[in-house]
Amino acid sequence: MRRALWDADWVTAMAHNYSLPDLVIQRLIEEFLAATDLTPEQYVAERHLTLHQAGMPNAEIYQVLQAEVEKGRFRTRPLSQRQVRRWIYG
């Protein structure tokens, strides 16, 4: 994980607003920052592994990943299944 990039007062305020302990807020921030730090290629590879481990067949995974990247936080054109496979397998 990356080094703490947040202000302690901000964590305290969020903990108060959401009735969660400071450590939980810190962990949420760390996970959010780690997730948003991924490139589209890294996201596709990691998400493929997660879905594959859950037992989803590749044909379905490719469709899920196409939709997730298209609707997600990445600014990218719609992906073909071939592009998804190339991002996963190189």
PDB file of N, CA and C in Angstrom:
ATOM      1  N   MET A   1       0.834  -1.191   0.000  1.00  0.00           N
ATOM      2  CA  MET A   1       0.000   0.000   0.000  1.00  0.00           C
ATOM      3  C   MET A   1       0.876   1.250   0.000  1.00  0.00           C
ATOM      4  N   ARG A   2       0.339   2.291  -0.532  1.00  0.00           N
ATOM      5  CA  ARG A   2       1.092   3.530  -0.543  1.00  0.00           C
ATOM      6  C   ARG A   2       1.038   4.196   0.826  1.00  0.00           C
ATOM      7  N   ARG A   3       1.920   5.095   1.028  1.00  0.00           N
ATOM      8  CA  ARG A   3       2.040   5.834   2.273  1.00  0.00           C
ATOM      9  C   ARG A   3       0.800   6.697   2.484  1.00  0.00           C
ATOM     10  N   ALA A   4       0.482   6.978   3.728  1.00  0.00           N
ATOM     11  CA  ALA A   4      -0.720   7.761   4.066  1.00  0.00           C
ATOM     12  C   ALA A   4      -0.682   9.126   3.380  1.00  0.00           C
ATOM     13  N   LEU A   5      -1.733   9.441   2.642  1.00  0.00           N
ATOM     14  CA  LEU A   5      -1.809  10.713   1.921  1.00  0.00           C
ATOM     15  C   LEU A   5      -2.959  11.575   2.428  1.00  0.00           C
ATOM     16  N   TRP A   6      -3.460  11.259   3.591  1.00  0.00           N
ATOM     17  CA  TRP A   6      -4.615  11.982   4.080  1.00  0.00           C
ATOM     18  C   TRP A   6      -4.274  12.668   5.395  1.00  0.00           C
ATOM     19  N   ASP A   7      -5.053  13.624   5.711  1.00  0.00           N
ATOM     20  CA  ASP A   7      -4.911  14.412   6.929  1.00  0.00           C
ATOM     21  C   ASP A   7      -5.655  13.708   8.060  1.00  0.00           C
ATOM     22  N   ALA A   8      -5.061  13.687   9.243  1.00  0.00           N
ATOM     23  CA  ALA A   8      -5.682  13.017  10.400  1.00  0.00           C
ATOM     24  C   ALA A   8      -7.038  13.634  10.736  1.00  0.00           C
ATOM     25  N   ASP A   9      -7.175  14.952  10.573  1.00  0.00           N
ATOM     26  CA  ASP A   9      -8.457  15.605  10.851  1.00  0.00           C
ATOM     27  C   ASP A   9      -9.543  15.119   9.886  1.00  0.00           C
ATOM     28  N   TRP A  10      -9.153  14.874   8.661  1.00  0.00           N
ATOM     29  CA  TRP A  10     -10.098  14.377   7.663  1.00  0.00           C
ATOM     30  C   TRP A  10     -10.575  12.985   8.052  1.00  0.00           C
ATOM     31  N   VAL A  11      -9.659  12.122   8.476  1.00  0.00           N
ATOM     32  CA  VAL A  11     -10.023  10.772   8.905  1.00  0.00           C
ATOM     33  C   VAL A  11     -10.967  10.845  10.097  1.00  0.00           C
ATOM     34  N   THR A  12     -10.653  11.698  11.060  1.00  0.00           N
ATOM     35  CA  THR A  12     -11.489  11.846  12.252  1.00  0.00           C
ATOM     36  C   THR A  12     -12.889  12.327  11.868  1.00  0.00           C
ATOM     37  N   ALA A  13     -12.963  13.298  10.970  1.00  0.00           N
ATOM     38  CA  ALA A  13     -14.264  13.819  10.537  1.00  0.00           C
ATOM     39  C   ALA A  13     -15.078  12.741   9.825  1.00  0.00           C
ATOM     40  N   MET A  14     -14.428  11.980   8.959  1.00  0.00           N
ATOM     41  CA  MET A  14     -15.142  10.905   8.257  1.00  0.00           C
ATOM     42  C   MET A  14     -15.591   9.823   9.231  1.00  0.00           C
ATOM     43  N   ALA A  15     -14.741   9.498  10.188  1.00  0.00           N
ATOM     44  CA  ALA A  15     -15.099   8.490  11.193  1.00  0.00           C
ATOM     45  C   ALA A  15     -16.330   8.945  11.969  1.00  0.00           C
ATOM     46  N   HIS A  16     -16.374  10.221  12.304  1.00  0.00           N
ATOM     47  CA  HIS A  16     -17.521  10.770  13.031  1.00  0.00           C
ATOM     48  C   HIS A  16     -18.775  10.754  12.144  1.00  0.00           C
ATOM     49  N   ASN A  17     -18.638  11.213  10.902  1.00  0.00           N
ATOM     50  CA  ASN A  17     -19.785  11.296   9.987  1.00  0.00           C
ATOM     51  C   ASN A  17     -20.386   9.937   9.661  1.00  0.00           C
ATOM     52  N   TYR A  18     -19.544   8.916   9.591  1.00  0.00           N
ATOM     53  CA  TYR A  18     -20.018   7.591   9.195  1.00  0.00           C
ATOM     54  C   TYR A  18     -20.053   6.593  10.344  1.00  0.00           C
ATOM     55  N   SER A  19     -19.781   7.079  11.546  1.00  0.00           N
ATOM     56  CA  SER A  19     -19.817   6.243  12.759  1.00  0.00           C
ATOM     57  C   SER A  19     -18.956   4.983  12.618  1.00  0.00           C
ATOM     58  N   LEU A  20     -17.756   5.189  12.099  1.00  0.00           N
ATOM     59  CA  LEU A  20     -16.799   4.096  11.938  1.00  0.00           C
ATOM     60  C   LEU A  20     -15.500   4.451  12.656  1.00  0.00           C
ATOM     61  N   PRO A  21     -14.770   3.455  13.120  1.00  0.00           N
ATOM     62  CA  PRO A  21     -13.487   3.727  13.771  1.00  0.00           C
ATOM     63  C   PRO A  21     -12.467   4.311  12.779  1.00  0.00           C
ATOM     64  N   ASP A  22     -11.540   5.101  13.298  1.00  0.00           N
ATOM     65  CA  ASP A  22     -10.506   5.712  12.460  1.00  0.00           C
ATOM     66  C   ASP A  22      -9.763   4.675  11.619  1.00  0.00           C
ATOM     67  N   LEU A  23      -9.450   3.533  12.213  1.00  0.00           N
ATOM     68  CA  LEU A  23      -8.700   2.512  11.477  1.00  0.00           C
ATOM     69  C   LEU A  23      -9.486   1.966  10.289  1.00  0.00           C
ATOM     70  N   VAL A  24     -10.790   1.862  10.434  1.00  0.00           N
ATOM     71  CA  VAL A  24     -11.630   1.399   9.321  1.00  0.00           C
ATOM     72  C   VAL A  24     -11.619   2.443   8.206  1.00  0.00           C
ATOM     73  N   ILE A  25     -11.754   3.701   8.568  1.00  0.00           N
ATOM     74  CA  ILE A  25     -11.715   4.785   7.578  1.00  0.00           C
ATOM     75  C   ILE A  25     -10.371   4.782   6.861  1.00  0.00           C
ATOM     76  N   GLN A  26      -9.288   4.639   7.603  1.00  0.00           N
ATOM     77  CA  GLN A  26      -7.959   4.611   6.982  1.00  0.00           C
ATOM     78  C   GLN A  26      -7.846   3.459   5.992  1.00  0.00           C
ATOM     79  N   ARG A  27      -8.355   2.302   6.364  1.00  0.00           N
ATOM     80  CA  ARG A  27      -8.300   1.131   5.477  1.00  0.00           C
ATOM     81  C   ARG A  27      -9.141   1.359   4.222  1.00  0.00           C
ATOM     82  N   LEU A  28     -10.314   1.954   4.383  1.00  0.00           N
ATOM     83  CA  LEU A  28     -11.156   2.261   3.226  1.00  0.00           C
ATOM     84  C   LEU A  28     -10.446   3.214   2.268  1.00  0.00           C
ATOM     85  N   ILE A  29      -9.796   4.225   2.832  1.00  0.00           N
ATOM     86  CA  ILE A  29      -9.059   5.183   2.002  1.00  0.00           C
ATOM     87  C   ILE A  29      -7.924   4.474   1.269  1.00  0.00           C
ATOM     88  N   GLU A  30      -7.187   3.626   1.979  1.00  0.00           N
ATOM     89  CA  GLU A  30      -6.082   2.887   1.349  1.00  0.00           C
ATOM     90  C   GLU A  30      -6.584   2.009   0.212  1.00  0.00           C
ATOM     91  N   GLU A  31      -7.688   1.302   0.441  1.00  0.00           N
ATOM     92  CA  GLU A  31      -8.233   0.426  -0.599  1.00  0.00           C
ATOM     93  C   GLU A  31      -8.732   1.230  -1.795  1.00  0.00           C
ATOM     94  N   PHE A  32      -9.378   2.351  -1.519  1.00  0.00           N
ATOM     95  CA  PHE A  32      -9.862   3.204  -2.601  1.00  0.00           C
ATOM     96  C   PHE A  32      -8.700   3.730  -3.433  1.00  0.00           C
ATOM     97  N   LEU A  33      -7.670   4.234  -2.761  1.00  0.00           N
ATOM     98  CA  LEU A  33      -6.516   4.766  -3.485  1.00  0.00           C
ATOM     99  C   LEU A  33      -5.809   3.678  -4.283  1.00  0.00           C
ATOM    100  N   ALA A  34      -5.703   2.499  -3.717  1.00  0.00           N
ATOM    101  CA  ALA A  34      -5.059   1.390  -4.433  1.00  0.00           C
ATOM    102  C   ALA A  34      -5.869   1.009  -5.672  1.00  0.00           C
ATOM    103  N   ALA A  35      -7.179   0.973  -5.539  1.00  0.00           N
ATOM    104  CA  ALA A  35      -8.036   0.588  -6.667  1.00  0.00           C
ATOM    105  C   ALA A  35      -8.028   1.638  -7.768  1.00  0.00           C
ATOM    106  N   THR A  36      -8.015   2.900  -7.396  1.00  0.00           N
ATOM    107  CA  THR A  36      -8.057   3.954  -8.404  1.00  0.00           C
ATOM    108  C   THR A  36      -6.690   4.246  -8.991  1.00  0.00           C
ATOM    109  N   ASP A  37      -5.660   3.604  -8.480  1.00  0.00           N
ATOM    110  CA  ASP A  37      -4.311   3.800  -8.993  1.00  0.00           C
ATOM    111  C   ASP A  37      -3.999   2.839 -10.140  1.00  0.00           C
ATOM    112  N   LEU A  38      -4.898   1.914 -10.425  1.00  0.00           N
ATOM    113  CA  LEU A  38      -4.668   0.918 -11.464  1.00  0.00           C
ATOM    114  C   LEU A  38      -4.870   1.508 -12.858  1.00  0.00           C
ATOM    115  N   THR A  39      -4.056   1.066 -13.797  1.00  0.00           N
ATOM    116  CA  THR A  39      -4.307   1.382 -15.203  1.00  0.00           C
ATOM    117  C   THR A  39      -5.444   0.475 -15.679  1.00  0.00           C
ATOM    118  N   PRO A  40      -6.065   0.789 -16.804  1.00  0.00           N
ATOM    119  CA  PRO A  40      -7.104  -0.112 -17.307  1.00  0.00           C
ATOM    120  C   PRO A  40      -6.578  -1.534 -17.521  1.00  0.00           C
ATOM    121  N   GLU A  41      -5.354  -1.653 -18.013  1.00  0.00           N
ATOM    122  CA  GLU A  41      -4.767  -2.971 -18.248  1.00  0.00           C
ATOM    123  C   GLU A  41      -4.593  -3.739 -16.942  1.00  0.00           C
ATOM    124  N   GLN A  42      -4.115  -3.067 -15.896  1.00  0.00           N
ATOM    125  CA  GLN A  42      -3.940  -3.713 -14.594  1.00  0.00           C
ATOM    126  C   GLN A  42      -5.290  -4.128 -14.016  1.00  0.00           C
ATOM    127  N   TYR A  43      -6.283  -3.238 -14.148  1.00  0.00           N
ATOM    128  CA  TYR A  43      -7.619  -3.549 -13.644  1.00  0.00           C
ATOM    129  C   TYR A  43      -8.161  -4.812 -14.312  1.00  0.00           C
ATOM    130  N   VAL A  44      -8.051  -4.875 -15.648  1.00  0.00           N
ATOM    131  CA  VAL A  44      -8.572  -6.023 -16.391  1.00  0.00           C
ATOM    132  C   VAL A  44      -7.879  -7.305 -15.943  1.00  0.00           C
ATOM    133  N   ALA A  45      -6.559  -7.273 -15.807  1.00  0.00           N
ATOM    134  CA  ALA A  45      -5.821  -8.475 -15.403  1.00  0.00           C
ATOM    135  C   ALA A  45      -6.218  -8.926 -14.000  1.00  0.00           C
ATOM    136  N   GLU A  46      -6.309  -7.982 -13.051  1.00  0.00           N
ATOM    137  CA  GLU A  46      -6.671  -8.341 -11.675  1.00  0.00           C
ATOM    138  C   GLU A  46      -8.113  -8.820 -11.578  1.00  0.00           C
ATOM    139  N   ARG A  47      -9.006  -8.137 -12.285  1.00  0.00           N
ATOM    140  CA  ARG A  47     -10.419  -8.518 -12.239  1.00  0.00           C
ATOM    141  C   ARG A  47     -10.624  -9.885 -12.898  1.00  0.00           C
ATOM    142  N   HIS A  48      -9.896 -10.153 -13.976  1.00  0.00           N
ATOM    143  CA  HIS A  48      -9.973 -11.465 -14.625  1.00  0.00           C
ATOM    144  C   HIS A  48      -9.611 -12.558 -13.635  1.00  0.00           C
ATOM    145  N   LEU A  49      -8.531 -12.359 -12.907  1.00  0.00           N
ATOM    146  CA  LEU A  49      -8.101 -13.362 -11.935  1.00  0.00           C
ATOM    147  C   LEU A  49      -9.184 -13.601 -10.885  1.00  0.00           C
ATOM    148  N   THR A  50      -9.779 -12.525 -10.381  1.00  0.00           N
ATOM    149  CA  THR A  50     -10.832 -12.639  -9.370  1.00  0.00           C
ATOM    150  C   THR A  50     -12.032 -13.417  -9.910  1.00  0.00           C
ATOM    151  N   LEU A  51     -12.482 -13.060 -11.104  1.00  0.00           N
ATOM    152  CA  LEU A  51     -13.641 -13.738 -11.692  1.00  0.00           C
ATOM    153  C   LEU A  51     -13.316 -15.187 -12.044  1.00  0.00           C
ATOM    154  N   HIS A  52     -12.105 -15.425 -12.531  1.00  0.00           N
ATOM    155  CA  HIS A  52     -11.684 -16.792 -12.865  1.00  0.00           C
ATOM    156  C   HIS A  52     -11.654 -17.665 -11.612  1.00  0.00           C
ATOM    157  N   GLN A  53     -11.131 -17.119 -10.519  1.00  0.00           N
ATOM    158  CA  GLN A  53     -11.077 -17.867  -9.263  1.00  0.00           C
ATOM    159  C   GLN A  53     -12.471 -18.141  -8.712  1.00  0.00           C
ATOM    160  N   ALA A  54     -13.438 -17.302  -9.077  1.00  0.00           N
ATOM    161  CA  ALA A  54     -14.824 -17.512  -8.646  1.00  0.00           C
ATOM    162  C   ALA A  54     -15.534 -18.547  -9.523  1.00  0.00           C
ATOM    163  N   GLY A  55     -14.834 -19.051 -10.542  1.00  0.00           N
ATOM    164  CA  GLY A  55     -15.398 -20.107 -11.370  1.00  0.00           C
ATOM    165  C   GLY A  55     -16.098 -19.650 -12.632  1.00  0.00           C
ATOM    166  N   MET A  56     -15.999 -18.380 -12.967  1.00  0.00           N
ATOM    167  CA  MET A  56     -16.664 -17.883 -14.169  1.00  0.00           C
ATOM    168  C   MET A  56     -15.851 -18.281 -15.408  1.00  0.00           C
ATOM    169  N   PRO A  57     -16.514 -18.759 -16.463  1.00  0.00           N
ATOM    170  CA  PRO A  57     -15.790 -19.117 -17.685  1.00  0.00           C
ATOM    171  C   PRO A  57     -15.280 -17.867 -18.417  1.00  0.00           C
ATOM    172  N   ASN A  58     -14.167 -18.034 -19.131  1.00  0.00           N
ATOM    173  CA  ASN A  58     -13.545 -16.896 -19.804  1.00  0.00           C
ATOM    174  C   ASN A  58     -14.484 -16.163 -20.748  1.00  0.00           C
ATOM    175  N   ALA A  59     -15.313 -16.878 -21.488  1.00  0.00           N
ATOM    176  CA  ALA A  59     -16.228 -16.211 -22.425  1.00  0.00           C
ATOM    177  C   ALA A  59     -17.113 -15.196 -21.697  1.00  0.00           C
ATOM    178  N   GLU A  60     -17.579 -15.547 -20.511  1.00  0.00           N
ATOM    179  CA  GLU A  60     -18.392 -14.619 -19.713  1.00  0.00           C
ATOM    180  C   GLU A  60     -17.527 -13.517 -19.117  1.00  0.00           C
ATOM    181  N   ILE A  61     -16.337 -13.872 -18.663  1.00  0.00           N
ATOM    182  CA  ILE A  61     -15.432 -12.886 -18.066  1.00  0.00           C
ATOM    183  C   ILE A  61     -15.139 -11.772 -19.064  1.00  0.00           C
ATOM    184  N   TYR A  62     -14.861 -12.121 -20.312  1.00  0.00           N
ATOM    185  CA  TYR A  62     -14.544 -11.106 -21.318  1.00  0.00           C
ATOM    186  C   TYR A  62     -15.693 -10.117 -21.482  1.00  0.00           C
ATOM    187  N   GLN A  63     -16.918 -10.627 -21.495  1.00  0.00           N
ATOM    188  CA  GLN A  63     -18.082  -9.745 -21.626  1.00  0.00           C
ATOM    189  C   GLN A  63     -18.226  -8.845 -20.404  1.00  0.00           C
ATOM    190  N   VAL A  64     -18.030  -9.416 -19.224  1.00  0.00           N
ATOM    191  CA  VAL A  64     -18.120  -8.632 -17.983  1.00  0.00           C
ATOM    192  C   VAL A  64     -17.072  -7.526 -17.993  1.00  0.00           C
ATOM    193  N   LEU A  65     -15.848  -7.873 -18.364  1.00  0.00           N
ATOM    194  CA  LEU A  65     -14.766  -6.890 -18.367  1.00  0.00           C
ATOM    195  C   LEU A  65     -15.002  -5.795 -19.398  1.00  0.00           C
ATOM    196  N   GLN A  66     -15.509  -6.166 -20.561  1.00  0.00           N
ATOM    197  CA  GLN A  66     -15.834  -5.153 -21.562  1.00  0.00           C
ATOM    198  C   GLN A  66     -16.817  -4.142 -20.982  1.00  0.00           C
ATOM    199  N   ALA A  67     -17.859  -4.624 -20.356  1.00  0.00           N
ATOM    200  CA  ALA A  67     -18.885  -3.743 -19.788  1.00  0.00           C
ATOM    201  C   ALA A  67     -18.330  -2.917 -18.633  1.00  0.00           C
ATOM    202  N   GLU A  68     -17.542  -3.540 -17.754  1.00  0.00           N
ATOM    203  CA  GLU A  68     -17.014  -2.818 -16.597  1.00  0.00           C
ATOM    204  C   GLU A  68     -16.062  -1.704 -17.008  1.00  0.00           C
ATOM    205  N   VAL A  69     -15.202  -1.966 -17.976  1.00  0.00           N
ATOM    206  CA  VAL A  69     -14.265  -0.928 -18.416  1.00  0.00           C
ATOM    207  C   VAL A  69     -15.023   0.202 -19.095  1.00  0.00           C
ATOM    208  N   GLU A  70     -16.019  -0.153 -19.895  1.00  0.00           N
ATOM    209  CA  GLU A  70     -16.814   0.848 -20.595  1.00  0.00           C
ATOM    210  C   GLU A  70     -17.567   1.756 -19.624  1.00  0.00           C
ATOM    211  N   LYS A  71     -18.105   1.175 -18.549  1.00  0.00           N
ATOM    212  CA  LYS A  71     -18.905   1.929 -17.588  1.00  0.00           C
ATOM    213  C   LYS A  71     -18.077   2.464 -16.428  1.00  0.00           C
ATOM    214  N   GLY A  72     -16.843   2.055 -16.345  1.00  0.00           N
ATOM    215  CA  GLY A  72     -16.011   2.379 -15.187  1.00  0.00           C
ATOM    216  C   GLY A  72     -15.386   3.753 -15.236  1.00  0.00           C
ATOM    217  N   ARG A  73     -14.366   3.902 -14.455  1.00  0.00           N
ATOM    218  CA  ARG A  73     -13.729   5.198 -14.278  1.00  0.00           C
ATOM    219  C   ARG A  73     -12.682   5.507 -15.339  1.00  0.00           C
ATOM    220  N   PHE A  74     -12.459   4.596 -16.275  1.00  0.00           N
ATOM    221  CA  PHE A  74     -11.410   4.774 -17.265  1.00  0.00           C
ATOM    222  C   PHE A  74     -11.941   5.478 -18.497  1.00  0.00           C
ATOM    223  N   ARG A  75     -11.124   6.355 -19.030  1.00  0.00           N
ATOM    224  CA  ARG A  75     -11.473   7.003 -20.290  1.00  0.00           C
ATOM    225  C   ARG A  75     -10.843   6.187 -21.401  1.00  0.00           C
ATOM    226  N   THR A  76     -11.616   5.314 -21.943  1.00  0.00           N
ATOM    227  CA  THR A  76     -11.137   4.454 -23.019  1.00  0.00           C
ATOM    228  C   THR A  76     -12.299   4.136 -23.942  1.00  0.00           C
ATOM    229  N   ARG A  77     -11.966   3.860 -25.164  1.00  0.00           N
ATOM    230  CA  ARG A  77     -13.014   3.472 -26.117  1.00  0.00           C
ATOM    231  C   ARG A  77     -13.497   2.069 -25.754  1.00  0.00           C
ATOM    232  N   PRO A  78     -14.654   1.671 -26.236  1.00  0.00           N
ATOM    233  CA  PRO A  78     -15.117   0.305 -25.963  1.00  0.00           C
ATOM    234  C   PRO A  78     -14.075  -0.716 -26.421  1.00  0.00           C
ATOM    235  N   LEU A  79     -13.918  -1.766 -25.639  1.00  0.00           N
ATOM    236  CA  LEU A  79     -12.918  -2.789 -25.927  1.00  0.00           C
ATOM    237  C   LEU A  79     -13.536  -3.978 -26.641  1.00  0.00           C
ATOM    238  N   SER A  80     -12.775  -4.556 -27.549  1.00  0.00           N
ATOM    239  CA  SER A  80     -13.191  -5.817 -28.164  1.00  0.00           C
ATOM    240  C   SER A  80     -12.752  -6.951 -27.241  1.00  0.00           C
ATOM    241  N   GLN A  81     -13.319  -8.143 -27.451  1.00  0.00           N
ATOM    242  CA  GLN A  81     -12.878  -9.293 -26.654  1.00  0.00           C
ATOM    243  C   GLN A  81     -11.401  -9.579 -26.909  1.00  0.00           C
ATOM    244  N   ARG A  82     -10.949  -9.345 -28.121  1.00  0.00           N
ATOM    245  CA  ARG A  82      -9.531  -9.562 -28.443  1.00  0.00           C
ATOM    246  C   ARG A  82      -8.646  -8.644 -27.598  1.00  0.00           C
ATOM    247  N   GLN A  83      -9.034  -7.366 -27.461  1.00  0.00           N
ATOM    248  CA  GLN A  83      -8.255  -6.441 -26.635  1.00  0.00           C
ATOM    249  C   GLN A  83      -8.246  -6.882 -25.179  1.00  0.00           C
ATOM    250  N   VAL A  84      -9.392  -7.319 -24.688  1.00  0.00           N
ATOM    251  CA  VAL A  84      -9.463  -7.794 -23.301  1.00  0.00           C
ATOM    252  C   VAL A  84      -8.504  -8.962 -23.111  1.00  0.00           C
ATOM    253  N   ARG A  85      -8.533  -9.915 -24.028  1.00  0.00           N
ATOM    254  CA  ARG A  85      -7.627 -11.073 -23.921  1.00  0.00           C
ATOM    255  C   ARG A  85      -6.168 -10.642 -23.988  1.00  0.00           C
ATOM    256  N   ARG A  86      -5.846  -9.694 -24.849  1.00  0.00           N
ATOM    257  CA  ARG A  86      -4.457  -9.223 -24.949  1.00  0.00           C
ATOM    258  C   ARG A  86      -4.015  -8.548 -23.664  1.00  0.00           C
ATOM    259  N   TRP A  87      -4.914  -7.812 -23.006  1.00  0.00           N
ATOM    260  CA  TRP A  87      -4.564  -7.169 -21.734  1.00  0.00           C
ATOM    261  C   TRP A  87      -4.344  -8.210 -20.647  1.00  0.00           C
ATOM    262  N   ILE A  88      -5.077  -9.303 -20.714  1.00  0.00           N
ATOM    263  CA  ILE A  88      -4.941 -10.351 -19.696  1.00  0.00           C
ATOM    264  C   ILE A  88      -3.682 -11.176 -19.935  1.00  0.00           C
ATOM    265  N   TYR A  89      -3.515 -11.625 -21.152  1.00  0.00           N
ATOM    266  CA  TYR A  89      -2.456 -12.595 -21.438  1.00  0.00           C
ATOM    267  C   TYR A  89      -1.211 -11.993 -22.084  1.00  0.00           C
ATOM    268  N   GLY A  90      -1.297 -10.729 -22.460  1.00  0.00           N
ATOM    269  CA  GLY A  90      -0.128 -10.076 -23.060  1.00  0.00           C
ATOM    270  C   GLY A  90      -0.013 -10.235 -24.535  1.00  0.00           C
TER     271      GLY A  90
END
